[in-house]
Amino acid sequence: QAQYFYRLRLSPATVILDFMEILQAILLGIIEGLTEFLPVSSTGHLIIAEQYMSFKDSAKVFSVVIQLGAILAVVWYYRRDLAAKLAGLFKSDKVSKQFFINLVAASIPAGILGLALDKKFEDYATPGVVATALILGAFVLLWADKFDKHRRSEGAERNNLDKLSLKQALLAGFAQTIALIPGVSRSGAAIVGGLFGGMNRVTATAFSFYLGIPILGGAAVYKLITDRHELASVSGGGTSIILGLITSFIVALMAISWLLKYVSTHSFKIFVYWRIILGIVVLALLF
C-alpha cells in the first residue's frame, strides 16, 4: 500500500493508466457474462473488444479465466437442481444417472479436441476470423431455429432435460466442437446440435448451460496451470482478472435467467441479426 501511494504521488499518469486498465477489465467482464451463454460467441466478442481496446492478453489467459465467473453463475443458478441430481446419483436414481452420463458423454468430444488443438486455434483468434464465423454461424443458427419441431406445439417452453437420450446429448456435444473456431459460439453450436437432435429451444439452451460447466471450467483450470506465468502480463494484473471474474459472474447470472425466459416464447432471430451486423461492422473496419 505504501508503494502504491508513493507511485500515486509521483506518477499520476501511471495511476490513470492503471485505472483505465481496471475499467477495461470490468467492461470485458460484462461482455463475457452477457455473451457467454447467448449464441453470439463470447470468445469472439472478447477478441474484438481486446483488439480495439489494446488490452494485453497475449496468451488469452484473461479471456479463459474470467469464464470461470460465468460458469459459477450457472452452478449457482442451478444449485438446487444440481444438488438434487447429485443426491439422486448416489441413490442410483435412473434419471439422475442418465443425466450425468449424457453430460459426460457430450463433454468428451470438445474436451479431447480442445486439448489436442489448444495452441493451434489461438493462431486464428483474430477479428477477421471471428467476423466471418459470426456471419456464417448466423445462417446455421437461423436454419436450426426453423428446423425446431416444437416451436408451435404445446410444451415447447418446457425444460425436458430429464428425458434426453444419449444420442441427443452426443449430437449437441459433437456440434460443440465446432466452437473451437473463434466466433462460432460454444452455446450456439450446442443449441444448434440440440435442435437438430429434436430438443425444444428451452431444453437445448438449458443443456448448453450445463455443458459449459465441464468444458469451460476445465478449460479455465487447464489454462491457469499451463499459462500461469502469463498472469502477470495481463493488463492490470491480478486485480483486472479478479474484477473481470466477479463482473462476469454477476452479469452471467442475469443473462441466464433472461435467456431461458426469452427462448420460451421467442425464436433466435435477434441473435442471428446481431451476429450478422457485428460481423459486417468488424469486416468493414478491417478493410
C-alpha atoms as a PDB file:
ATOM      1  CA  GLN A   1       0.000   0.000   0.000  1.00  0.00           C
ATOM      2  CA  ALA A   2       2.840   2.382   0.827  1.00  0.00           C
ATOM      3  CA  GLN A   3       4.406   1.714  -2.563  1.00  0.00           C
ATOM      4  CA  TYR A   4       1.059   2.311  -4.284  1.00  0.00           C
ATOM      5  CA  PHE A   5       0.517   5.705  -2.667  1.00  0.00           C
ATOM      6  CA  TYR A   6       4.139   6.630  -3.326  1.00  0.00           C
ATOM      7  CA  ARG A   7       3.596   5.945  -7.002  1.00  0.00           C
ATOM      8  CA  LEU A   8       0.270   7.810  -6.863  1.00  0.00           C
ATOM      9  CA  ARG A   9       2.067  10.908  -5.585  1.00  0.00           C
ATOM     10  CA  LEU A  10       4.918  10.747  -8.073  1.00  0.00           C
ATOM     11  CA  SER A  11       3.259   9.416 -11.229  1.00  0.00           C
ATOM     12  CA  PRO A  12      -0.410  10.359 -11.758  1.00  0.00           C
ATOM     13  CA  ALA A  13      -0.174   9.280 -15.419  1.00  0.00           C
ATOM     14  CA  THR A  14       0.668   5.729 -14.323  1.00  0.00           C
ATOM     15  CA  VAL A  15      -2.231   5.688 -11.871  1.00  0.00           C
ATOM     16  CA  ILE A  16      -4.624   6.883 -14.583  1.00  0.00           C
ATOM     17  CA  LEU A  17      -3.335   4.107 -16.857  1.00  0.00           C
ATOM     18  CA  ASP A  18      -3.913   1.526 -14.111  1.00  0.00           C
ATOM     19  CA  PHE A  19      -7.432   2.875 -13.571  1.00  0.00           C
ATOM     20  CA  MET A  20      -8.193   2.601 -17.294  1.00  0.00           C
ATOM     21  CA  GLU A  21      -6.952  -0.995 -17.351  1.00  0.00           C
ATOM     22  CA  ILE A  22      -9.266  -1.851 -14.455  1.00  0.00           C
ATOM     23  CA  LEU A  23     -12.210  -0.225 -16.251  1.00  0.00           C
ATOM     24  CA  GLN A  24     -11.339  -2.239 -19.349  1.00  0.00           C
ATOM     25  CA  ALA A  25     -11.274  -5.439 -17.284  1.00  0.00           C
ATOM     26  CA  ILE A  26     -14.718  -4.667 -15.851  1.00  0.00           C
ATOM     27  CA  LEU A  27     -16.078  -3.936 -19.329  1.00  0.00           C
ATOM     28  CA  LEU A  28     -14.639  -7.212 -20.623  1.00  0.00           C
ATOM     29  CA  GLY A  29     -16.218  -8.992 -17.659  1.00  0.00           C
ATOM     30  CA  ILE A  30     -19.577  -7.506 -18.644  1.00  0.00           C
ATOM     31  CA  ILE A  31     -19.084  -8.657 -22.238  1.00  0.00           C
ATOM     32  CA  GLU A  32     -18.112 -12.164 -21.090  1.00  0.00           C
ATOM     33  CA  GLY A  33     -21.039 -12.506 -18.691  1.00  0.00           C
ATOM     34  CA  LEU A  34     -23.516 -11.142 -21.210  1.00  0.00           C
ATOM     35  CA  THR A  35     -22.401 -13.197 -24.201  1.00  0.00           C
ATOM     36  CA  GLU A  36     -21.113 -16.488 -22.741  1.00  0.00           C
ATOM     37  CA  PHE A  37     -24.483 -18.224 -22.853  1.00  0.00           C
ATOM     38  CA  LEU A  38     -26.075 -16.279 -25.692  1.00  0.00           C
ATOM     39  CA  PRO A  39     -25.499 -17.872 -29.125  1.00  0.00           C
ATOM     40  CA  VAL A  40     -23.272 -14.989 -30.248  1.00  0.00           C
ATOM     41  CA  SER A  41     -19.757 -16.158 -29.207  1.00  0.00           C
ATOM     42  CA  SER A  42     -18.293 -14.669 -26.043  1.00  0.00           C
ATOM     43  CA  THR A  43     -14.771 -15.527 -27.213  1.00  0.00           C
ATOM     44  CA  GLY A  44     -15.365 -13.672 -30.457  1.00  0.00           C
ATOM     45  CA  HIS A  45     -16.675 -10.604 -28.642  1.00  0.00           C
ATOM     46  CA  LEU A  46     -13.701 -10.630 -26.257  1.00  0.00           C
ATOM     47  CA  ILE A  47     -11.201 -10.951 -29.122  1.00  0.00           C
ATOM     48  CA  ILE A  48     -12.757  -7.989 -30.900  1.00  0.00           C
ATOM     49  CA  ALA A  49     -13.005  -5.893 -27.725  1.00  0.00           C
ATOM     50  CA  GLU A  50      -9.443  -6.646 -26.595  1.00  0.00           C
ATOM     51  CA  GLN A  51      -8.117  -5.844 -30.057  1.00  0.00           C
ATOM     52  CA  TYR A  52      -9.714  -2.399 -30.214  1.00  0.00           C
ATOM     53  CA  MET A  53      -9.037  -1.623 -26.536  1.00  0.00           C
ATOM     54  CA  SER A  54      -5.390  -2.673 -26.899  1.00  0.00           C
ATOM     55  CA  PHE A  55      -5.917  -4.829 -23.805  1.00  0.00           C
ATOM     56  CA  LYS A  56      -2.864  -7.022 -23.255  1.00  0.00           C
ATOM     57  CA  ASP A  57      -3.851 -10.682 -23.061  1.00  0.00           C
ATOM     58  CA  SER A  58      -1.211 -12.367 -25.207  1.00  0.00           C
ATOM     59  CA  ALA A  59      -1.943 -15.973 -24.178  1.00  0.00           C
ATOM     60  CA  LYS A  60      -5.718 -15.344 -23.903  1.00  0.00           C
ATOM     61  CA  VAL A  61      -5.393 -16.328 -20.252  1.00  0.00           C
ATOM     62  CA  PHE A  62      -7.611 -13.447 -19.085  1.00  0.00           C
ATOM     63  CA  SER A  63     -10.381 -14.418 -21.504  1.00  0.00           C
ATOM     64  CA  VAL A  64     -10.387 -18.033 -20.349  1.00  0.00           C
ATOM     65  CA  VAL A  65     -10.066 -17.339 -16.629  1.00  0.00           C
ATOM     66  CA  ILE A  66     -12.965 -14.873 -16.439  1.00  0.00           C
ATOM     67  CA  GLN A  67     -15.134 -17.585 -17.975  1.00  0.00           C
ATOM     68  CA  LEU A  68     -14.984 -19.140 -14.501  1.00  0.00           C
ATOM     69  CA  GLY A  69     -17.247 -16.333 -13.337  1.00  0.00           C
ATOM     70  CA  ALA A  70     -19.859 -17.291 -15.927  1.00  0.00           C
ATOM     71  CA  ILE A  71     -19.560 -20.976 -15.027  1.00  0.00           C
ATOM     72  CA  LEU A  72     -20.023 -20.213 -11.330  1.00  0.00           C
ATOM     73  CA  ALA A  73     -23.164 -18.327 -12.319  1.00  0.00           C
ATOM     74  CA  VAL A  74     -24.557 -21.496 -13.957  1.00  0.00           C
ATOM     75  CA  VAL A  75     -23.682 -23.579 -10.899  1.00  0.00           C
ATOM     76  CA  TRP A  76     -25.376 -21.043  -8.632  1.00  0.00           C
ATOM     77  CA  TYR A  77     -28.455 -20.715 -10.838  1.00  0.00           C
ATOM     78  CA  TYR A  78     -28.932 -24.495 -10.989  1.00  0.00           C
ATOM     79  CA  ARG A  79     -27.601 -25.184  -7.489  1.00  0.00           C
ATOM     80  CA  ARG A  80     -30.805 -26.862  -6.240  1.00  0.00           C
ATOM     81  CA  ASP A  81     -31.230 -28.949  -9.380  1.00  0.00           C
ATOM     82  CA  LEU A  82     -27.552 -29.972  -9.320  1.00  0.00           C
ATOM     83  CA  ALA A  83     -27.774 -30.893  -5.629  1.00  0.00           C
ATOM     84  CA  ALA A  84     -30.888 -32.996  -6.289  1.00  0.00           C
ATOM     85  CA  LYS A  85     -29.270 -34.752  -9.242  1.00  0.00           C
ATOM     86  CA  LEU A  86     -26.076 -35.459  -7.290  1.00  0.00           C
ATOM     87  CA  ALA A  87     -28.119 -36.847  -4.409  1.00  0.00           C
ATOM     88  CA  GLY A  88     -30.071 -38.974  -6.882  1.00  0.00           C
ATOM     89  CA  LEU A  89     -26.832 -40.243  -8.405  1.00  0.00           C
ATOM     90  CA  PHE A  90     -25.667 -41.601  -5.048  1.00  0.00           C
ATOM     91  CA  LYS A  91     -29.082 -43.234  -4.592  1.00  0.00           C
ATOM     92  CA  SER A  92     -28.765 -44.880  -8.039  1.00  0.00           C
ATOM     93  CA  ASP A  93     -31.687 -42.884  -9.399  1.00  0.00           C
ATOM     94  CA  LYS A  94     -32.045 -43.733 -13.109  1.00  0.00           C
ATOM     95  CA  VAL A  95     -32.965 -40.210 -14.208  1.00  0.00           C
ATOM     96  CA  SER A  96     -30.013 -38.618 -12.383  1.00  0.00           C
ATOM     97  CA  LYS A  97     -27.648 -41.311 -13.619  1.00  0.00           C
ATOM     98  CA  GLN A  98     -28.750 -40.793 -17.237  1.00  0.00           C
ATOM     99  CA  PHE A  99     -28.348 -37.023 -16.891  1.00  0.00           C
ATOM    100  CA  PHE A 100     -24.713 -37.308 -15.822  1.00  0.00           C
ATOM    101  CA  ILE A 101     -23.997 -39.956 -18.471  1.00  0.00           C
ATOM    102  CA  ASN A 102     -25.373 -37.541 -21.074  1.00  0.00           C
ATOM    103  CA  LEU A 103     -23.363 -34.629 -19.667  1.00  0.00           C
ATOM    104  CA  VAL A 104     -20.057 -36.514 -19.515  1.00  0.00           C
ATOM    105  CA  ALA A 105     -20.503 -38.149 -22.929  1.00  0.00           C
ATOM    106  CA  ALA A 106     -21.384 -34.830 -24.584  1.00  0.00           C
ATOM    107  CA  SER A 107     -18.355 -33.133 -22.999  1.00  0.00           C
ATOM    108  CA  ILE A 108     -15.767 -35.662 -24.175  1.00  0.00           C
ATOM    109  CA  PRO A 109     -15.517 -34.681 -27.902  1.00  0.00           C
ATOM    110  CA  ALA A 110     -14.853 -30.980 -27.257  1.00  0.00           C
ATOM    111  CA  GLY A 111     -12.612 -31.803 -24.293  1.00  0.00           C
ATOM    112  CA  ILE A 112     -10.331 -34.100 -26.301  1.00  0.00           C
ATOM    113  CA  LEU A 113     -10.221 -31.864 -29.367  1.00  0.00           C
ATOM    114  CA  GLY A 114      -9.651 -28.772 -27.235  1.00  0.00           C
ATOM    115  CA  LEU A 115      -6.639 -30.346 -25.508  1.00  0.00           C
ATOM    116  CA  ALA A 116      -5.201 -31.621 -28.779  1.00  0.00           C
ATOM    117  CA  LEU A 117      -5.564 -28.368 -30.722  1.00  0.00           C
ATOM    118  CA  ASP A 118      -5.389 -25.778 -27.932  1.00  0.00           C
ATOM    119  CA  LYS A 119      -2.476 -23.687 -29.217  1.00  0.00           C
ATOM    120  CA  LYS A 120      -3.305 -24.118 -32.903  1.00  0.00           C
ATOM    121  CA  PHE A 121      -6.663 -22.383 -32.618  1.00  0.00           C
ATOM    122  CA  GLU A 122      -5.038 -19.390 -30.884  1.00  0.00           C
ATOM    123  CA  ASP A 123      -3.476 -18.521 -34.273  1.00  0.00           C
ATOM    124  CA  TYR A 124      -6.999 -17.965 -35.610  1.00  0.00           C
ATOM    125  CA  ALA A 125      -8.085 -15.714 -32.747  1.00  0.00           C
ATOM    126  CA  THR A 126      -8.266 -12.630 -34.969  1.00  0.00           C
ATOM    127  CA  PRO A 127     -11.120 -10.173 -35.667  1.00  0.00           C
ATOM    128  CA  GLY A 128     -11.250 -11.278 -39.318  1.00  0.00           C
ATOM    129  CA  VAL A 129     -11.808 -14.951 -38.461  1.00  0.00           C
ATOM    130  CA  VAL A 130     -14.297 -14.001 -35.740  1.00  0.00           C
ATOM    131  CA  ALA A 131     -16.313 -11.758 -38.089  1.00  0.00           C
ATOM    132  CA  THR A 132     -16.500 -14.464 -40.764  1.00  0.00           C
ATOM    133  CA  ALA A 133     -17.536 -17.119 -38.236  1.00  0.00           C
ATOM    134  CA  LEU A 134     -20.171 -14.794 -36.766  1.00  0.00           C
ATOM    135  CA  ILE A 135     -21.822 -14.280 -40.155  1.00  0.00           C
ATOM    136  CA  LEU A 136     -21.668 -17.910 -41.307  1.00  0.00           C
ATOM    137  CA  GLY A 137     -22.809 -19.149 -37.899  1.00  0.00           C
ATOM    138  CA  ALA A 138     -25.794 -16.799 -38.033  1.00  0.00           C
ATOM    139  CA  PHE A 139     -27.233 -18.600 -41.043  1.00  0.00           C
ATOM    140  CA  VAL A 140     -26.705 -22.018 -39.425  1.00  0.00           C
ATOM    141  CA  LEU A 141     -28.490 -20.791 -36.278  1.00  0.00           C
ATOM    142  CA  LEU A 142     -31.364 -19.468 -38.388  1.00  0.00           C
ATOM    143  CA  TRP A 143     -31.621 -22.801 -40.216  1.00  0.00           C
ATOM    144  CA  ALA A 144     -31.670 -24.739 -36.929  1.00  0.00           C
ATOM    145  CA  ASP A 145     -34.257 -22.390 -35.450  1.00  0.00           C
ATOM    146  CA  LYS A 146     -36.598 -23.024 -38.390  1.00  0.00           C
ATOM    147  CA  PHE A 147     -35.928 -26.759 -38.016  1.00  0.00           C
ATOM    148  CA  ASP A 148     -37.243 -26.677 -34.424  1.00  0.00           C
ATOM    149  CA  LYS A 149     -40.097 -29.196 -34.444  1.00  0.00           C
ATOM    150  CA  HIS A 150     -41.533 -27.976 -31.137  1.00  0.00           C
ATOM    151  CA  ARG A 151     -41.841 -24.249 -31.772  1.00  0.00           C
ATOM    152  CA  ARG A 152     -45.615 -24.306 -32.309  1.00  0.00           C
ATOM    153  CA  SER A 153     -46.507 -27.314 -30.174  1.00  0.00           C
ATOM    154  CA  GLU A 154     -47.716 -27.480 -26.590  1.00  0.00           C
ATOM    155  CA  GLY A 155     -44.875 -27.833 -24.131  1.00  0.00           C
ATOM    156  CA  ALA A 156     -42.419 -26.008 -26.375  1.00  0.00           C
ATOM    157  CA  GLU A 157     -41.448 -23.888 -23.379  1.00  0.00           C
ATOM    158  CA  ARG A 158     -40.800 -26.855 -21.069  1.00  0.00           C
ATOM    159  CA  ASN A 159     -37.394 -27.993 -19.896  1.00  0.00           C
ATOM    160  CA  ASN A 160     -37.140 -31.688 -20.804  1.00  0.00           C
ATOM    161  CA  LEU A 161     -33.559 -32.307 -19.707  1.00  0.00           C
ATOM    162  CA  ASP A 162     -34.520 -35.416 -17.756  1.00  0.00           C
ATOM    163  CA  LYS A 163     -35.925 -37.007 -20.918  1.00  0.00           C
ATOM    164  CA  LEU A 164     -32.868 -36.560 -23.141  1.00  0.00           C
ATOM    165  CA  SER A 165     -31.439 -39.599 -24.889  1.00  0.00           C
ATOM    166  CA  LEU A 166     -27.720 -40.287 -25.145  1.00  0.00           C
ATOM    167  CA  LYS A 167     -27.957 -39.759 -28.915  1.00  0.00           C
ATOM    168  CA  GLN A 168     -29.398 -36.257 -28.460  1.00  0.00           C
ATOM    169  CA  ALA A 169     -26.725 -35.361 -25.910  1.00  0.00           C
ATOM    170  CA  LEU A 170     -23.919 -36.607 -28.168  1.00  0.00           C
ATOM    171  CA  LEU A 171     -25.240 -34.633 -31.120  1.00  0.00           C
ATOM    172  CA  ALA A 172     -25.089 -31.442 -29.047  1.00  0.00           C
ATOM    173  CA  GLY A 173     -21.627 -32.437 -27.791  1.00  0.00           C
ATOM    174  CA  PHE A 174     -20.163 -33.065 -31.237  1.00  0.00           C
ATOM    175  CA  ALA A 175     -21.705 -29.841 -32.547  1.00  0.00           C
ATOM    176  CA  GLN A 176     -19.984 -28.038 -29.698  1.00  0.00           C
ATOM    177  CA  THR A 177     -16.540 -28.974 -31.050  1.00  0.00           C
ATOM    178  CA  ILE A 178     -17.022 -26.585 -33.974  1.00  0.00           C
ATOM    179  CA  ALA A 179     -16.951 -23.748 -31.442  1.00  0.00           C
ATOM    180  CA  LEU A 180     -13.176 -24.194 -31.130  1.00  0.00           C
ATOM    181  CA  ILE A 181     -13.132 -21.850 -34.127  1.00  0.00           C
ATOM    182  CA  PRO A 182     -13.261 -18.323 -32.642  1.00  0.00           C
ATOM    183  CA  GLY A 183     -16.560 -16.616 -33.362  1.00  0.00           C
ATOM    184  CA  VAL A 184     -18.693 -19.746 -33.744  1.00  0.00           C
ATOM    185  CA  SER A 185     -20.132 -19.736 -30.168  1.00  0.00           C
ATOM    186  CA  ARG A 186     -19.972 -22.759 -27.895  1.00  0.00           C
ATOM    187  CA  SER A 187     -23.501 -22.303 -26.565  1.00  0.00           C
ATOM    188  CA  GLY A 188     -24.784 -21.568 -30.070  1.00  0.00           C
ATOM    189  CA  ALA A 189     -23.230 -24.721 -31.515  1.00  0.00           C
ATOM    190  CA  ALA A 190     -24.602 -26.857 -28.667  1.00  0.00           C
ATOM    191  CA  ILE A 191     -28.058 -25.314 -29.127  1.00  0.00           C
ATOM    192  CA  VAL A 192     -27.961 -25.979 -32.874  1.00  0.00           C
ATOM    193  CA  GLY A 193     -26.947 -29.592 -32.245  1.00  0.00           C
ATOM    194  CA  GLY A 194     -29.730 -29.919 -29.697  1.00  0.00           C
ATOM    195  CA  LEU A 195     -32.364 -28.504 -32.039  1.00  0.00           C
ATOM    196  CA  PHE A 196     -31.336 -30.843 -34.843  1.00  0.00           C
ATOM    197  CA  GLY A 197     -31.430 -33.677 -32.317  1.00  0.00           C
ATOM    198  CA  GLY A 198     -35.071 -32.972 -31.513  1.00  0.00           C
ATOM    199  CA  MET A 199     -34.810 -30.832 -28.371  1.00  0.00           C
ATOM    200  CA  ASN A 200     -37.026 -27.786 -27.982  1.00  0.00           C
ATOM    201  CA  ARG A 201     -35.424 -24.343 -27.595  1.00  0.00           C
ATOM    202  CA  VAL A 202     -35.629 -24.254 -23.789  1.00  0.00           C
ATOM    203  CA  THR A 203     -34.145 -27.727 -23.361  1.00  0.00           C
ATOM    204  CA  ALA A 204     -31.367 -27.140 -25.910  1.00  0.00           C
ATOM    205  CA  THR A 205     -30.494 -23.840 -24.231  1.00  0.00           C
ATOM    206  CA  ALA A 206     -30.504 -25.308 -20.717  1.00  0.00           C
ATOM    207  CA  PHE A 207     -28.353 -28.253 -21.822  1.00  0.00           C
ATOM    208  CA  SER A 208     -25.858 -25.845 -23.401  1.00  0.00           C
ATOM    209  CA  PHE A 209     -25.617 -24.126 -19.982  1.00  0.00           C
ATOM    210  CA  TYR A 210     -24.865 -27.413 -18.231  1.00  0.00           C
ATOM    211  CA  LEU A 211     -22.334 -28.379 -20.909  1.00  0.00           C
ATOM    212  CA  GLY A 212     -20.443 -25.187 -20.124  1.00  0.00           C
ATOM    213  CA  ILE A 213     -19.646 -26.383 -16.593  1.00  0.00           C
ATOM    214  CA  PRO A 214     -17.194 -29.191 -17.510  1.00  0.00           C
ATOM    215  CA  ILE A 215     -15.985 -27.657 -20.790  1.00  0.00           C
ATOM    216  CA  LEU A 216     -15.355 -24.053 -19.745  1.00  0.00           C
ATOM    217  CA  GLY A 217     -14.494 -24.952 -16.159  1.00  0.00           C
ATOM    218  CA  GLY A 218     -11.937 -27.491 -17.355  1.00  0.00           C
ATOM    219  CA  ALA A 219     -10.518 -25.056 -19.932  1.00  0.00           C
ATOM    220  CA  ALA A 220     -10.076 -22.351 -17.282  1.00  0.00           C
ATOM    221  CA  VAL A 221      -8.311 -24.674 -14.832  1.00  0.00           C
ATOM    222  CA  TYR A 222      -6.089 -26.069 -17.610  1.00  0.00           C
ATOM    223  CA  LYS A 223      -5.186 -22.548 -18.747  1.00  0.00           C
ATOM    224  CA  LEU A 224      -4.359 -21.460 -15.219  1.00  0.00           C
ATOM    225  CA  ILE A 225      -1.986 -24.404 -14.829  1.00  0.00           C
ATOM    226  CA  THR A 226      -0.254 -24.279 -18.217  1.00  0.00           C
ATOM    227  CA  ASP A 227      -0.091 -20.483 -18.650  1.00  0.00           C
ATOM    228  CA  ARG A 228       0.115 -19.310 -15.035  1.00  0.00           C
ATOM    229  CA  HIS A 229       3.346 -17.477 -15.871  1.00  0.00           C
ATOM    230  CA  GLU A 230       1.334 -15.241 -18.230  1.00  0.00           C
ATOM    231  CA  LEU A 231      -0.978 -13.935 -15.489  1.00  0.00           C
ATOM    232  CA  ALA A 232       1.365 -11.091 -14.596  1.00  0.00           C
ATOM    233  CA  SER A 233       1.491  -9.923 -18.218  1.00  0.00           C
ATOM    234  CA  VAL A 234      -2.270  -9.268 -18.392  1.00  0.00           C
ATOM    235  CA  SER A 235      -3.216  -5.587 -18.424  1.00  0.00           C
ATOM    236  CA  GLY A 236      -3.956  -4.617 -14.832  1.00  0.00           C
ATOM    237  CA  GLY A 237      -2.509  -7.883 -13.472  1.00  0.00           C
ATOM    238  CA  GLY A 238      -4.322  -9.873 -10.806  1.00  0.00           C
ATOM    239  CA  THR A 239      -6.674  -7.021  -9.957  1.00  0.00           C
ATOM    240  CA  SER A 240      -8.067  -6.996 -13.503  1.00  0.00           C
ATOM    241  CA  ILE A 241      -8.525 -10.768 -13.505  1.00  0.00           C
ATOM    242  CA  ILE A 242     -10.400 -10.793 -10.181  1.00  0.00           C
ATOM    243  CA  LEU A 243     -12.646  -7.877 -11.126  1.00  0.00           C
ATOM    244  CA  GLY A 244     -13.338  -9.378 -14.555  1.00  0.00           C
ATOM    245  CA  LEU A 245     -14.270 -12.699 -12.962  1.00  0.00           C
ATOM    246  CA  ILE A 246     -16.637 -11.113 -10.405  1.00  0.00           C
ATOM    247  CA  THR A 247     -18.269  -8.935 -13.046  1.00  0.00           C
ATOM    248  CA  SER A 248     -18.788 -11.850 -15.428  1.00  0.00           C
ATOM    249  CA  PHE A 249     -20.440 -13.854 -12.610  1.00  0.00           C
ATOM    250  CA  ILE A 250     -22.971 -11.122 -11.810  1.00  0.00           C
ATOM    251  CA  VAL A 251     -23.822 -10.329 -15.436  1.00  0.00           C
ATOM    252  CA  ALA A 252     -23.970 -14.013 -16.489  1.00  0.00           C
ATOM    253  CA  LEU A 253     -26.412 -14.765 -13.679  1.00  0.00           C
ATOM    254  CA  MET A 254     -28.801 -12.147 -15.061  1.00  0.00           C
ATOM    255  CA  ALA A 255     -28.234 -13.266 -18.660  1.00  0.00           C
ATOM    256  CA  ILE A 256     -29.056 -16.914 -17.887  1.00  0.00           C
ATOM    257  CA  SER A 257     -32.363 -16.046 -16.264  1.00  0.00           C
ATOM    258  CA  TRP A 258     -33.316 -13.690 -19.093  1.00  0.00           C
ATOM    259  CA  LEU A 259     -32.366 -16.070 -21.913  1.00  0.00           C
ATOM    260  CA  LEU A 260     -34.377 -19.014 -20.571  1.00  0.00           C
ATOM    261  CA  LYS A 261     -37.480 -16.820 -20.335  1.00  0.00           C
ATOM    262  CA  TYR A 262     -36.832 -15.276 -23.749  1.00  0.00           C
ATOM    263  CA  VAL A 263     -36.392 -18.505 -25.734  1.00  0.00           C
ATOM    264  CA  SER A 264     -39.572 -19.975 -24.219  1.00  0.00           C
ATOM    265  CA  THR A 265     -41.612 -17.507 -26.281  1.00  0.00           C
ATOM    266  CA  HIS A 266     -39.209 -16.170 -28.948  1.00  0.00           C
ATOM    267  CA  SER A 267     -37.034 -17.523 -31.734  1.00  0.00           C
ATOM    268  CA  PHE A 268     -33.263 -16.986 -32.056  1.00  0.00           C
ATOM    269  CA  LYS A 269     -33.653 -14.412 -34.843  1.00  0.00           C
ATOM    270  CA  ILE A 270     -32.498 -11.492 -32.687  1.00  0.00           C
ATOM    271  CA  PHE A 271     -29.135 -13.240 -32.204  1.00  0.00           C
ATOM    272  CA  VAL A 272     -28.940 -14.049 -35.909  1.00  0.00           C
ATOM    273  CA  TYR A 273     -29.330 -10.349 -36.753  1.00  0.00           C
ATOM    274  CA  TRP A 274     -26.764  -9.307 -34.132  1.00  0.00           C
ATOM    275  CA  ARG A 275     -24.164 -11.777 -35.415  1.00  0.00           C
ATOM    276  CA  ILE A 276     -24.558 -10.573 -38.996  1.00  0.00           C
ATOM    277  CA  ILE A 277     -24.472  -6.873 -38.082  1.00  0.00           C
ATOM    278  CA  LEU A 278     -21.419  -7.222 -35.828  1.00  0.00           C
ATOM    279  CA  GLY A 279     -19.609  -9.377 -38.393  1.00  0.00           C
ATOM    280  CA  ILE A 280     -20.209  -6.863 -41.168  1.00  0.00           C
ATOM    281  CA  VAL A 281     -19.101  -3.924 -38.963  1.00  0.00           C
ATOM    282  CA  VAL A 282     -15.860  -5.688 -37.981  1.00  0.00           C
ATOM    283  CA  LEU A 283     -15.080  -6.625 -41.604  1.00  0.00           C
ATOM    284  CA  ALA A 284     -15.785  -3.038 -42.672  1.00  0.00           C
ATOM    285  CA  LEU A 285     -13.373  -1.747 -40.021  1.00  0.00           C
ATOM    286  CA  LEU A 286     -10.707  -4.214 -41.124  1.00  0.00           C
ATOM    287  CA  PHE A 287     -10.996  -3.200 -44.758  1.00  0.00           C
END
